[in-house]
Amino acid sequence: MILRRVPLWIVLAAGGVAFAAVLAYAVVSAVKAPTEILAVPLSWLPAEPVWSNFALPFTETPFARYFLNSVVVGVVVTLLNVVTCTLAGYSFSKFAYPGRDAAFVIVLATLMVPLEVIYVPLYALVYDLGWVNSFAALIIPAGTSAFGIFLMRQSIDAVPDELIEAARLDGAGVVRTLLQIVAPLLRGPMAALALFIFLMNWDSHLWPLLVGSDDEHRTLPVGLAAMQANNQGANGLPMMMAAAVLALLPTVLLFLSLQKRFVEGVTMSAGIR
């Protein structure tokens, strides 16, 4: 049994080393002088680390504004998704009403529709509402997700109905049952959903580019693209590498902090006991 898994482990290890090498090269290049980054042959370690490169994005560009915008949008969108997807998943899982299964199928069907297909009508709606170049356009359309509803519904299915019935017999209402009985059992799935949504929004580029084209509303992916366009050439490479590393840090720290909950949430939603 173990021998059968050896090829899989080799492939996973090779992929891990490849990704780690790219990340390590970006970190090392962030503290190199411009002449060293393009030097031939390639040198992994800098002759003398230039730590001041990490200050360049903040002094030469509105990087701090881009970073703050991404944090605000990512946190608010994540909280909205956790709330709305939990409520919808609870409804689809524990309540019986006409059209429930049909509505859930429609929600799942939206997963097969590429986001690019709905961007044109969605942008027209946002434009008519006067939300272009506003945080409302960045946050509200992403306030819920079909994937999140599916994840939470599958997770809530694992909560015994007898536990909910016992809470109702003790006089707990729907909201109290959800907050005090069901929600504490869903910390793993909620953490997994929060991680998925935050990473998705942190890396999102096309929609923020359409609705947030000014510096006041640019998120990090859009801001980094603008920085790259304005800082081409060898002299701009250390700053761009430093900016990329700084942009990567929140996602790495978030994943490390929620790793245990993430695994628990995925296994619970998959029905693994």
Protein backbone atom coordinates (compact mmCIF):
# COMPACT_ATOMS: atom_id res chain seq x y z
CA MET A 1 0.00 0.00 0.00
CA ILE A 2 2.82 2.36 0.90
CA LEU A 3 4.74 1.53 -2.28
CA ARG A 4 1.74 2.53 -4.38
CA ARG A 5 1.83 6.01 -2.87
CA VAL A 6 5.55 6.56 -3.52
CA PRO A 7 5.04 7.93 -7.10
CA LEU A 8 2.39 10.32 -5.80
CA TRP A 9 4.70 11.52 -3.06
CA ILE A 10 7.51 12.04 -5.59
CA VAL A 11 5.25 14.12 -7.86
CA LEU A 12 3.97 16.19 -4.91
CA ALA A 13 7.50 16.71 -3.59
CA ALA A 14 8.74 17.81 -7.03
CA GLY A 15 5.85 20.26 -7.37
CA GLY A 16 6.47 21.60 -3.87
CA VAL A 17 10.18 22.12 -4.57
CA ALA A 18 9.39 23.90 -7.86
CA PHE A 19 6.93 26.32 -6.23
CA ALA A 20 9.25 26.86 -3.26
CA ALA A 21 12.14 27.63 -5.62
CA VAL A 22 10.12 30.33 -7.39
CA LEU A 23 9.11 31.88 -4.07
CA ALA A 24 12.67 31.73 -2.77
CA TYR A 25 13.98 33.39 -5.93
CA ALA A 26 11.44 36.21 -5.58
CA VAL A 27 12.42 36.79 -1.94
CA VAL A 28 16.14 36.76 -2.72
CA SER A 29 15.70 39.02 -5.76
CA ALA A 30 13.83 41.54 -3.61
CA VAL A 31 17.06 42.32 -1.75
CA LYS A 32 19.36 42.40 -4.78
CA ALA A 33 20.79 45.40 -6.59
CA PRO A 34 19.36 46.00 -10.11
CA THR A 35 22.56 44.82 -11.79
CA GLU A 36 22.55 41.54 -9.88
CA ILE A 37 19.01 40.47 -10.84
CA LEU A 38 19.86 40.29 -14.56
CA ALA A 39 23.42 39.08 -14.08
CA VAL A 40 24.60 36.10 -16.12
CA PRO A 41 25.26 33.49 -14.82
CA LEU A 42 22.43 33.56 -12.28
CA SER A 43 23.46 34.06 -8.67
CA TRP A 44 21.01 33.00 -5.98
CA LEU A 45 22.49 34.97 -3.11
CA PRO A 46 23.08 38.74 -3.32
CA ALA A 47 26.59 40.05 -2.81
CA GLU A 48 25.17 42.52 -0.28
CA PRO A 49 21.46 42.55 0.68
CA VAL A 50 19.70 45.83 -0.15
CA TRP A 51 16.91 45.88 2.45
CA SER A 52 15.89 49.38 1.42
CA ASN A 53 14.19 47.83 -1.63
CA PHE A 54 11.21 47.01 0.58
CA ALA A 55 10.71 50.72 1.26
CA LEU A 56 10.67 51.68 -2.43
CA PRO A 57 7.05 50.59 -3.15
CA PHE A 58 5.85 52.85 -0.33
CA THR A 59 7.97 55.87 -1.28
CA GLU A 60 7.82 55.66 -5.08
CA THR A 61 4.21 54.46 -5.62
CA PRO A 62 0.83 54.48 -3.78
CA PHE A 63 1.53 50.88 -2.68
CA ALA A 64 0.25 51.51 0.85
CA ARG A 65 -3.10 52.65 -0.57
CA TYR A 66 -3.34 49.58 -2.81
CA PHE A 67 -2.51 47.32 0.13
CA LEU A 68 -5.09 48.97 2.40
CA ASN A 69 -7.76 48.75 -0.31
CA SER A 70 -7.13 45.02 -0.73
CA VAL A 71 -7.27 44.43 3.02
CA VAL A 72 -10.55 46.33 3.40
CA VAL A 73 -12.20 44.70 0.38
CA GLY A 74 -10.90 41.23 1.27
CA VAL A 75 -11.99 41.37 4.92
CA VAL A 76 -15.45 42.83 4.23
CA VAL A 77 -16.16 40.44 1.33
CA THR A 78 -15.00 37.49 3.44
CA LEU A 79 -17.25 38.43 6.36
CA LEU A 80 -20.22 38.94 4.03
CA ASN A 81 -19.66 35.53 2.44
CA VAL A 82 -19.37 33.75 5.77
CA VAL A 83 -22.65 35.30 6.95
CA THR A 84 -24.69 34.97 3.74
CA CYS A 85 -23.43 31.52 2.81
CA THR A 86 -24.03 30.19 6.33
CA LEU A 87 -27.58 31.54 6.35
CA ALA A 88 -28.32 30.14 2.89
CA GLY A 89 -26.68 26.80 3.69
CA TYR A 90 -28.69 26.54 6.92
CA SER A 91 -31.88 27.23 5.01
CA PHE A 92 -31.15 24.65 2.30
CA SER A 93 -30.08 22.03 4.84
CA LYS A 94 -32.48 22.24 7.78
CA PHE A 95 -35.70 23.76 6.44
CA ALA A 96 -38.31 22.12 4.22
CA TYR A 97 -40.27 24.43 1.92
CA PRO A 98 -41.62 24.30 -1.65
CA GLY A 99 -38.94 24.86 -4.26
CA ARG A 100 -36.00 24.36 -1.91
CA ASP A 101 -34.30 21.65 -3.96
CA ALA A 102 -34.95 23.47 -7.24
CA ALA A 103 -33.45 26.67 -5.82
CA PHE A 104 -30.38 24.77 -4.63
CA VAL A 105 -29.93 23.24 -8.09
CA ILE A 106 -30.11 26.72 -9.63
CA VAL A 107 -27.43 27.91 -7.19
CA LEU A 108 -25.20 25.00 -8.16
CA ALA A 109 -25.84 25.64 -11.85
CA THR A 110 -24.29 29.10 -11.52
CA LEU A 111 -20.96 27.39 -10.74
CA MET A 112 -20.82 26.32 -14.39
CA VAL A 113 -21.13 29.91 -15.65
CA PRO A 114 -17.72 31.59 -16.13
CA LEU A 115 -17.44 34.90 -14.32
CA GLU A 116 -16.34 36.61 -17.53
CA VAL A 117 -19.78 35.89 -19.03
CA ILE A 118 -21.61 37.97 -16.43
CA TYR A 119 -19.09 40.82 -16.22
CA VAL A 120 -20.68 42.81 -19.05
CA PRO A 121 -24.25 42.89 -17.64
CA LEU A 122 -22.87 43.24 -14.11
CA TYR A 123 -20.75 46.22 -15.13
CA ALA A 124 -23.79 47.79 -16.84
CA LEU A 125 -25.74 47.40 -13.59
CA VAL A 126 -22.91 48.84 -11.51
CA TYR A 127 -22.58 51.75 -13.94
CA ASP A 128 -26.31 52.51 -13.77
CA LEU A 129 -26.12 52.50 -9.97
CA GLY A 130 -23.23 54.98 -10.06
CA TRP A 131 -20.85 52.60 -8.28
CA VAL A 132 -17.94 52.74 -10.72
CA ASN A 133 -14.76 53.71 -8.84
CA SER A 134 -16.32 52.93 -5.46
CA PHE A 135 -15.88 50.27 -2.81
CA ALA A 136 -19.53 49.26 -3.26
CA ALA A 137 -18.70 47.89 -6.73
CA LEU A 138 -15.74 45.94 -5.32
CA ILE A 139 -17.61 44.50 -2.33
CA ILE A 140 -21.34 44.02 -2.95
CA PRO A 141 -21.21 41.86 -6.15
CA ALA A 142 -18.80 39.52 -4.34
CA GLY A 143 -20.82 39.43 -1.11
CA THR A 144 -21.90 35.81 -1.57
CA SER A 145 -20.91 32.81 -3.67
CA ALA A 146 -22.49 29.62 -4.93
CA PHE A 147 -19.43 27.64 -3.86
CA GLY A 148 -19.72 29.00 -0.31
CA ILE A 149 -23.42 28.12 -0.14
CA PHE A 150 -22.65 24.58 -1.30
CA LEU A 151 -19.79 24.21 1.19
CA MET A 152 -21.86 25.41 4.14
CA ARG A 153 -24.90 23.36 3.16
CA GLN A 154 -22.82 20.19 3.00
CA SER A 155 -21.24 21.01 6.36
CA ILE A 156 -24.56 21.80 8.07
CA ASP A 157 -25.96 18.49 6.77
CA ALA A 158 -23.49 16.82 9.15
CA VAL A 159 -25.09 18.53 12.18
CA PRO A 160 -27.60 16.07 13.73
CA ASP A 161 -31.24 17.11 13.40
CA GLU A 162 -31.83 15.81 16.93
CA LEU A 163 -29.49 18.48 18.29
CA ILE A 164 -31.48 21.23 16.61
CA GLU A 165 -34.81 19.74 17.72
CA ALA A 166 -33.56 19.59 21.31
CA ALA A 167 -32.64 23.28 21.16
CA ARG A 168 -36.09 24.16 19.84
CA LEU A 169 -37.77 22.14 22.62
CA ASP A 170 -35.74 24.18 25.12
CA GLY A 171 -37.29 27.33 23.66
CA ALA A 172 -34.46 28.45 21.36
CA GLY A 173 -35.60 30.28 18.23
CA VAL A 174 -34.17 29.92 14.75
CA VAL A 175 -31.54 32.65 15.16
CA ARG A 176 -30.47 31.50 18.62
CA THR A 177 -30.22 27.89 17.46
CA LEU A 178 -28.03 28.94 14.55
CA LEU A 179 -25.77 31.20 16.62
CA GLN A 180 -25.40 29.09 19.77
CA ILE A 181 -25.80 25.51 18.53
CA VAL A 182 -24.97 25.24 14.83
CA ALA A 183 -22.34 27.98 14.31
CA PRO A 184 -19.91 26.71 17.00
CA LEU A 185 -19.84 23.35 15.21
CA LEU A 186 -18.96 25.04 11.90
CA ARG A 187 -15.71 26.75 12.83
CA GLY A 188 -13.73 24.52 10.49
CA PRO A 189 -15.96 25.00 7.43
CA MET A 190 -16.24 28.72 8.16
CA ALA A 191 -12.45 29.00 8.33
CA ALA A 192 -12.12 27.07 5.06
CA LEU A 193 -14.69 29.31 3.39
CA ALA A 194 -13.03 32.45 4.75
CA LEU A 195 -9.66 31.31 3.41
CA PHE A 196 -11.05 30.45 -0.03
CA ILE A 197 -12.93 33.73 -0.37
CA PHE A 198 -10.11 35.93 0.94
CA LEU A 199 -7.54 34.35 -1.39
CA MET A 200 -9.92 34.61 -4.33
CA ASN A 201 -10.55 38.30 -3.73
CA TRP A 202 -6.94 39.09 -2.85
CA ASP A 203 -5.83 37.72 -6.24
CA SER A 204 -8.78 39.05 -8.27
CA HIS A 205 -7.68 41.33 -11.10
CA LEU A 206 -10.21 41.65 -13.92
CA TRP A 207 -13.27 42.88 -11.99
CA PRO A 208 -11.32 45.36 -9.79
CA LEU A 209 -9.67 46.63 -12.98
CA LEU A 210 -13.09 47.30 -14.54
CA VAL A 211 -14.68 49.09 -11.59
CA GLY A 212 -11.70 50.59 -9.77
CA SER A 213 -9.38 52.33 -12.21
CA ASP A 214 -8.24 55.24 -10.00
CA ASP A 215 -5.57 55.08 -7.27
CA GLU A 216 -8.15 55.60 -4.52
CA HIS A 217 -9.89 52.31 -5.33
CA ARG A 218 -7.19 50.15 -6.92
CA THR A 219 -6.54 46.84 -5.22
CA LEU A 220 -3.12 45.19 -5.10
CA PRO A 221 -3.29 43.14 -8.34
CA VAL A 222 -4.40 46.20 -10.32
CA GLY A 223 -1.90 48.41 -8.51
CA LEU A 224 0.97 46.01 -9.15
CA ALA A 225 0.13 45.93 -12.85
CA ALA A 226 0.15 49.74 -12.94
CA MET A 227 3.45 49.81 -11.05
CA GLN A 228 4.99 47.37 -13.53
CA ALA A 229 3.85 49.49 -16.48
CA ASN A 230 5.38 52.61 -14.94
CA ASN A 231 8.63 51.01 -13.70
CA GLN A 232 9.95 48.93 -16.56
CA GLY A 233 13.61 48.11 -16.91
CA ALA A 234 16.27 46.72 -14.61
CA ASN A 235 16.05 49.57 -12.10
CA GLY A 236 12.42 48.79 -11.38
CA LEU A 237 12.87 45.04 -10.88
CA PRO A 238 14.00 45.10 -7.22
CA MET A 239 11.06 47.31 -6.26
CA MET A 240 8.60 45.08 -8.12
CA MET A 241 10.04 41.95 -6.50
CA ALA A 242 9.79 43.56 -3.08
CA ALA A 243 6.21 44.64 -3.76
CA ALA A 244 5.29 41.11 -4.91
CA VAL A 245 6.74 39.58 -1.75
CA LEU A 246 4.88 42.08 0.45
CA ALA A 247 1.66 41.34 -1.41
CA LEU A 248 2.15 37.61 -0.84
CA LEU A 249 2.75 37.81 2.92
CA PRO A 250 -0.90 38.21 4.10
CA THR A 251 -2.08 35.14 2.18
CA VAL A 252 0.79 33.00 3.50
CA LEU A 253 0.21 34.11 7.09
CA LEU A 254 -3.55 33.59 6.78
CA PHE A 255 -3.11 30.08 5.41
CA LEU A 256 -0.62 29.12 8.12
CA SER A 257 -2.92 30.43 10.86
CA LEU A 258 -6.04 28.71 9.48
CA GLN A 259 -4.40 25.55 8.15
CA LYS A 260 -5.84 23.25 10.82
CA ARG A 261 -9.33 24.72 10.53
CA PHE A 262 -9.07 24.58 6.74
CA VAL A 263 -8.40 20.83 6.73
CA GLU A 264 -11.19 20.26 9.27
CA GLY A 265 -13.64 22.25 7.17
CA VAL A 266 -12.83 20.49 3.91
CA THR A 267 -13.07 17.01 5.46
CA MET A 268 -16.33 17.88 7.24
CA SER A 269 -17.97 19.25 4.09
CA ALA A 270 -16.81 16.16 2.18
CA GLY A 271 -18.54 13.90 4.68
CA ILE A 272 -15.31 12.45 6.06
CA ARG A 273 -15.73 11.35 9.69
